[in-house]
Amino acid sequence: MSRAVDVKAELTQSLKYLHLPTVRQCYEEVARQAERESLSYERYLHELVQRECEERQENRITKMLRESQLRLEKSLEAFETKRLPPKAARQMRSLLDGSFLERTDNVLVFGNPGSGKTHMLQAIGQELVRRGHRMLFITCEMLVQELLIAKRDLKLSRLIKKYSRYEGMIIDDLGYIRQTREEMEVVFTLLAERYERGSVLLTSNLPFSKWEGIFKDPMTTAAAIDRLVHHSIIVELNIPSYRLEQARNNVQALGDELTLAPGAGEAASGSGLRPPPPAASPKEEVDVVSS
């Protein structure tokens, strides 16, 4: 018995040393299962290794999702694909396989505010992370601040190298907030460094014809567009604002509820919808008593 206890303790310690926490937690349970089902040693070992691999993959995906800064509520299940134009819907389906990342193609999504650009790319980003791709989501405003701080501290190349670890970099709302020329120069530096090295996925409310207002210089604008458009997939969401549409639906639903409410046209006194009759004045009360 003491030798059996020693073997278990030594095995547990060895599994800790080998960093196999899942095997350490379940090897006894799987051993009992192997006895009941008369599994071979190979099948027993395969089951243990399989569980360890699955747990590690799940933990890896969880960590990558956390590092990606993607908002988990902006998932594919929560995205209303039926609102997309047919061409955009086909493009979205093709992007989910992640092959564009292997080609280092860019994805440029244009549309009016509220058309679902950000949600679309966040949903795609989450699915790609679950397929094992490293993604990063950041707004253009936050990106500019990080780049400027790194430039001030003489660490710009180090930061750009850090971004290069991500196969896909989602930059949200390019041109939504007006930036200075100096601020957009660091963004151009990043785009130039990622050209044909890593995919850029960005959203913008502005067409290319208005990008000179973003980069402040015709030559820089042309160079930025050239690097982004070469090897790119352009998605146009020419659809109404989802937020505005949802607000209208909520107002309409509220109006329907008020219309269909029992006694909506003849609210009883005291219900809060019709003011109570005015109280009698002291003189009127005396007259009533006298009569």
Protein backbone atom coordinates (compact mmCIF):
# COMPACT_ATOMS: atom_id res chain seq x y z
CA MET A 1 0.00 0.00 0.00
CA SER A 2 2.81 2.39 0.92
CA ARG A 3 4.51 1.66 -2.40
CA ALA A 4 1.23 2.43 -4.25
CA VAL A 5 0.94 5.70 -2.38
CA ASP A 6 4.53 6.53 -3.27
CA VAL A 7 3.90 5.82 -6.96
CA LYS A 8 0.88 8.11 -6.97
CA ALA A 9 2.79 10.88 -5.23
CA GLU A 10 5.76 10.50 -7.57
CA LEU A 11 3.49 10.45 -10.61
CA THR A 12 1.70 13.60 -9.47
CA GLN A 13 5.01 15.33 -8.87
CA SER A 14 6.33 14.26 -12.29
CA LEU A 15 3.21 15.53 -14.05
CA LYS A 16 3.66 18.86 -12.28
CA TYR A 17 7.27 18.97 -13.43
CA LEU A 18 6.22 18.22 -17.02
CA HIS A 19 3.48 20.90 -16.85
CA LEU A 20 0.63 18.48 -17.61
CA PRO A 21 -2.12 19.78 -15.29
CA THR A 22 -5.03 18.17 -17.16
CA VAL A 23 -3.39 14.73 -17.16
CA ARG A 24 -2.66 15.16 -13.45
CA GLN A 25 -6.29 15.95 -12.73
CA CYS A 26 -7.92 13.19 -14.77
CA TYR A 27 -5.51 10.24 -15.10
CA GLU A 28 -7.19 8.28 -12.28
CA GLU A 29 -10.67 8.85 -13.67
CA VAL A 30 -9.55 7.80 -17.16
CA ALA A 31 -7.77 4.75 -15.68
CA ARG A 32 -11.04 3.57 -14.12
CA GLN A 33 -12.79 4.18 -17.46
CA ALA A 34 -10.09 2.16 -19.23
CA GLU A 35 -10.63 -0.74 -16.81
CA ARG A 36 -14.40 -0.73 -17.33
CA GLU A 37 -14.12 -0.59 -21.12
CA SER A 38 -11.05 -2.81 -21.37
CA LEU A 39 -9.09 -0.16 -23.24
CA SER A 40 -5.56 -0.85 -24.37
CA TYR A 41 -2.62 1.08 -22.90
CA GLU A 42 -2.38 3.03 -26.13
CA ARG A 43 -6.07 4.02 -25.98
CA TYR A 44 -5.66 5.06 -22.35
CA LEU A 45 -2.63 7.18 -23.16
CA HIS A 46 -4.35 8.65 -26.23
CA GLU A 47 -7.34 9.73 -24.12
CA LEU A 48 -5.09 11.46 -21.60
CA VAL A 49 -3.05 13.27 -24.25
CA GLN A 50 -6.21 14.28 -26.12
CA ARG A 51 -7.71 15.86 -23.02
CA GLU A 52 -4.49 17.73 -22.31
CA CYS A 53 -4.35 19.07 -25.87
CA GLU A 54 -8.00 20.18 -25.82
CA GLU A 55 -7.56 22.00 -22.52
CA ARG A 56 -4.42 23.74 -23.72
CA GLN A 57 -6.08 24.82 -26.95
CA GLU A 58 -9.07 26.20 -25.05
CA ASN A 59 -6.79 28.13 -22.68
CA ARG A 60 -4.75 29.43 -25.61
CA ILE A 61 -7.87 30.71 -27.39
CA THR A 62 -9.11 32.36 -24.19
CA LYS A 63 -5.77 34.14 -23.79
CA MET A 64 -5.69 35.23 -27.43
CA LEU A 65 -9.22 36.61 -27.21
CA ARG A 66 -8.25 38.60 -24.13
CA GLU A 67 -5.12 39.96 -25.83
CA SER A 68 -7.04 40.82 -29.00
CA GLN A 69 -9.12 43.46 -27.11
CA LEU A 70 -12.15 42.35 -29.12
CA ARG A 71 -15.52 42.90 -27.43
CA LEU A 72 -16.98 39.43 -26.99
CA GLU A 73 -20.56 40.69 -27.19
CA LYS A 74 -19.85 41.73 -30.80
CA SER A 75 -19.98 38.10 -31.87
CA LEU A 76 -21.00 36.46 -35.11
CA GLU A 77 -24.18 35.14 -33.49
CA ALA A 78 -25.19 38.68 -32.45
CA PHE A 79 -24.52 40.14 -35.91
CA GLU A 80 -27.56 40.51 -38.19
CA THR A 81 -26.10 39.11 -41.39
CA LYS A 82 -29.47 39.38 -43.14
CA ARG A 83 -29.11 43.18 -43.19
CA LEU A 84 -26.02 42.97 -45.38
CA PRO A 85 -26.20 43.54 -49.15
CA PRO A 86 -25.76 40.21 -51.02
CA LYS A 87 -22.20 40.99 -52.13
CA ALA A 88 -21.12 42.03 -48.62
CA ALA A 89 -22.67 38.87 -47.17
CA ARG A 90 -20.67 36.71 -49.60
CA GLN A 91 -17.49 38.62 -48.76
CA MET A 92 -18.06 38.15 -45.05
CA ARG A 93 -18.49 34.40 -45.45
CA SER A 94 -15.26 34.16 -47.44
CA LEU A 95 -13.35 36.18 -44.82
CA LEU A 96 -14.26 33.75 -42.05
CA ASP A 97 -11.91 31.06 -43.37
CA GLY A 98 -8.90 33.32 -42.73
CA SER A 99 -7.17 32.61 -46.04
CA PHE A 100 -6.74 36.36 -46.63
CA LEU A 101 -4.41 36.45 -43.60
CA GLU A 102 -2.11 33.92 -45.25
CA ARG A 103 -1.99 36.15 -48.34
CA THR A 104 -1.55 39.25 -46.11
CA ASP A 105 -4.51 40.85 -47.88
CA ASN A 106 -6.14 43.90 -46.34
CA VAL A 107 -9.86 44.31 -45.63
CA LEU A 108 -11.34 47.80 -46.04
CA VAL A 109 -14.93 48.29 -44.85
CA PHE A 110 -16.76 51.49 -45.80
CA GLY A 111 -20.20 52.68 -44.76
CA ASN A 112 -22.22 55.29 -42.92
CA PRO A 113 -22.21 55.48 -39.11
CA GLY A 114 -24.26 52.69 -37.60
CA SER A 115 -24.12 50.43 -40.65
CA GLY A 116 -22.39 47.62 -38.71
CA LYS A 117 -18.80 48.03 -39.88
CA THR A 118 -17.23 47.66 -36.45
CA HIS A 119 -19.44 44.76 -35.38
CA MET A 120 -18.73 42.96 -38.66
CA LEU A 121 -14.95 43.10 -38.25
CA GLN A 122 -15.10 42.26 -34.55
CA ALA A 123 -17.23 39.20 -35.29
CA ILE A 124 -14.82 38.09 -38.02
CA GLY A 125 -11.89 38.76 -35.71
CA GLN A 126 -13.31 36.54 -32.97
CA GLU A 127 -13.91 33.66 -35.37
CA LEU A 128 -10.36 33.96 -36.71
CA VAL A 129 -8.94 33.91 -33.17
CA ARG A 130 -10.88 30.69 -32.51
CA ARG A 131 -9.22 29.27 -35.62
CA GLY A 132 -5.84 30.03 -34.08
CA HIS A 133 -5.00 33.39 -35.70
CA ARG A 134 -3.62 36.26 -33.62
CA MET A 135 -5.72 39.40 -34.02
CA LEU A 136 -5.71 42.87 -32.46
CA PHE A 137 -8.56 45.39 -32.31
CA ILE A 138 -7.86 49.08 -31.68
CA THR A 139 -9.57 52.35 -32.50
CA CYS A 140 -7.68 54.80 -34.69
CA GLU A 141 -7.71 57.34 -31.87
CA MET A 142 -6.06 54.94 -29.40
CA LEU A 143 -3.62 53.75 -32.04
CA VAL A 144 -2.46 57.31 -32.71
CA GLN A 145 -1.92 57.91 -28.99
CA GLU A 146 0.13 54.72 -28.57
CA LEU A 147 2.26 55.51 -31.62
CA LEU A 148 2.89 59.11 -30.55
CA ILE A 149 3.94 58.07 -27.05
CA ALA A 150 6.29 55.46 -28.51
CA LYS A 151 7.74 58.02 -30.92
CA ARG A 152 8.29 60.50 -28.09
CA ASP A 153 10.07 57.81 -26.06
CA LEU A 154 12.14 56.70 -29.08
CA LYS A 155 10.39 53.29 -29.01
CA LEU A 156 8.34 53.51 -32.19
CA SER A 157 10.14 50.68 -33.97
CA ARG A 158 9.72 48.48 -30.89
CA LEU A 159 5.96 49.12 -30.81
CA ILE A 160 5.58 48.43 -34.53
CA LYS A 161 7.50 45.19 -34.04
CA LYS A 162 5.06 44.29 -31.25
CA TYR A 163 2.14 44.89 -33.63
CA SER A 164 3.82 42.62 -36.20
CA ARG A 165 3.08 39.65 -33.92
CA TYR A 166 -0.56 39.92 -34.97
CA GLU A 167 -1.60 38.39 -38.28
CA GLY A 168 -4.49 40.82 -38.52
CA MET A 169 -4.74 44.31 -37.07
CA ILE A 170 -8.24 45.84 -36.94
CA ILE A 171 -8.14 49.66 -36.98
CA ASP A 172 -11.56 51.10 -36.28
CA ASP A 173 -12.93 54.48 -37.45
CA LEU A 174 -10.10 55.82 -39.60
CA GLY A 175 -10.87 59.51 -40.22
CA TYR A 176 -13.77 59.66 -37.75
CA ILE A 177 -11.79 62.01 -35.47
CA ARG A 178 -9.71 64.66 -37.19
CA GLN A 179 -5.99 64.18 -36.53
CA THR A 180 -3.05 66.48 -37.14
CA ARG A 181 -0.49 65.82 -39.85
CA GLU A 182 2.07 64.66 -37.29
CA GLU A 183 -0.43 62.22 -35.80
CA MET A 184 -1.29 60.68 -39.17
CA GLU A 185 2.37 60.42 -40.15
CA VAL A 186 2.92 57.78 -37.46
CA VAL A 187 -0.16 55.89 -38.73
CA PHE A 188 1.30 55.98 -42.24
CA THR A 189 4.57 54.61 -40.86
CA LEU A 190 2.69 51.67 -39.37
CA LEU A 191 0.78 51.01 -42.61
CA ALA A 192 4.00 51.12 -44.59
CA GLU A 193 5.69 48.65 -42.23
CA ARG A 194 2.77 46.20 -42.42
CA TYR A 195 2.59 46.36 -46.22
CA GLU A 196 2.77 42.76 -47.51
CA ARG A 197 3.84 41.63 -44.02
CA GLY A 198 0.56 41.59 -42.13
CA SER A 199 -3.11 42.22 -42.85
CA VAL A 200 -4.81 45.49 -41.93
CA LEU A 201 -8.58 45.46 -41.43
CA LEU A 202 -10.02 48.94 -41.12
CA THR A 203 -13.34 50.74 -41.05
CA SER A 204 -14.02 54.26 -42.29
CA ASN A 205 -16.98 56.53 -42.94
CA LEU A 206 -15.03 58.41 -45.60
CA PRO A 207 -14.46 57.31 -49.22
CA PHE A 208 -10.97 57.46 -50.70
CA SER A 209 -11.79 60.77 -52.38
CA LYS A 210 -11.89 62.42 -48.93
CA TRP A 211 -8.79 60.80 -47.45
CA GLU A 212 -6.63 63.82 -48.14
CA GLY A 213 -8.49 65.38 -45.23
CA ILE A 214 -7.19 62.49 -43.08
CA PHE A 215 -3.50 62.43 -44.07
CA LYS A 216 -3.25 66.20 -44.80
CA ASP A 217 -0.92 65.71 -47.76
CA PRO A 218 -1.67 64.52 -51.33
CA MET A 219 1.50 62.42 -51.63
CA THR A 220 1.05 60.72 -48.26
CA THR A 221 -2.62 60.11 -49.02
CA ALA A 222 -1.82 58.50 -52.39
CA ALA A 223 0.91 56.35 -50.83
CA ALA A 224 -1.37 55.19 -48.00
CA ILE A 225 -4.21 54.29 -50.35
CA ASP A 226 -1.80 52.50 -52.70
CA ARG A 227 -0.45 50.28 -49.91
CA LEU A 228 -3.88 49.49 -48.53
CA VAL A 229 -5.66 48.84 -51.82
CA HIS A 230 -2.94 46.62 -53.27
CA HIS A 231 -3.94 43.06 -52.19
CA SER A 232 -7.20 44.15 -50.59
CA ILE A 233 -10.84 43.21 -50.20
CA ILE A 234 -13.17 46.23 -50.20
CA VAL A 235 -16.55 45.84 -48.49
CA GLU A 236 -19.21 48.51 -48.91
CA LEU A 237 -22.09 48.65 -46.44
CA ASN A 238 -24.52 51.01 -48.11
CA ILE A 239 -27.29 50.28 -45.65
CA PRO A 240 -29.25 52.38 -43.12
CA SER A 241 -27.94 52.89 -39.63
CA TYR A 242 -28.68 49.88 -37.44
CA ARG A 243 -28.82 52.04 -34.30
CA LEU A 244 -31.26 54.51 -35.89
CA GLU A 245 -33.38 51.67 -37.23
CA GLN A 246 -33.47 50.01 -33.82
CA ALA A 247 -34.44 53.30 -32.14
CA ARG A 248 -37.30 53.78 -34.60
CA ASN A 249 -38.51 50.24 -33.99
CA ASN A 250 -38.44 50.81 -30.24
CA VAL A 251 -40.48 54.02 -30.61
CA GLN A 252 -42.94 52.24 -32.89
CA ALA A 253 -43.28 49.34 -30.45
CA LEU A 254 -43.90 51.75 -27.57
CA GLY A 255 -46.56 53.54 -29.60
CA ASP A 256 -48.25 50.23 -30.41
CA GLU A 257 -48.29 49.24 -26.74
CA LEU A 258 -49.94 52.52 -25.74
CA THR A 259 -52.51 52.19 -28.50
CA LEU A 260 -53.40 48.60 -27.60
CA ALA A 261 -53.49 49.17 -23.83
CA PRO A 262 -56.97 48.48 -22.24
CA GLY A 263 -58.97 51.68 -21.91
CA ALA A 264 -56.23 53.68 -23.61
CA GLY A 265 -58.77 56.21 -24.92
CA GLU A 266 -60.78 56.36 -21.67
CA ALA A 267 -58.33 56.48 -18.85
CA ALA A 268 -60.01 56.25 -15.47
CA SER A 269 -59.70 59.04 -12.98
CA GLY A 270 -56.81 58.45 -10.63
CA SER A 271 -54.95 56.32 -13.17
CA GLY A 272 -52.34 59.02 -13.62
CA LEU A 273 -53.33 59.66 -17.24
CA ARG A 274 -56.24 62.02 -16.50
CA PRO A 275 -56.03 64.74 -13.82
CA PRO A 276 -58.56 64.44 -10.97
CA PRO A 277 -61.43 67.02 -10.82
CA PRO A 278 -60.54 70.25 -9.01
CA ALA A 279 -61.26 70.31 -5.27
CA ALA A 280 -64.24 72.39 -4.08
CA SER A 281 -63.44 75.78 -2.61
CA PRO A 282 -64.23 76.47 1.09
CA LYS A 283 -67.18 78.71 0.08
CA GLU A 284 -68.72 75.95 -2.08
CA GLU A 285 -68.35 73.48 0.82
CA VAL A 286 -70.24 75.85 3.17
CA ASP A 287 -73.04 76.31 0.63
CA VAL A 288 -73.43 72.57 0.27
CA VAL A 289 -73.71 72.11 4.05
CA SER A 290 -76.24 74.97 4.35
CA SER A 291 -78.50 73.51 1.74
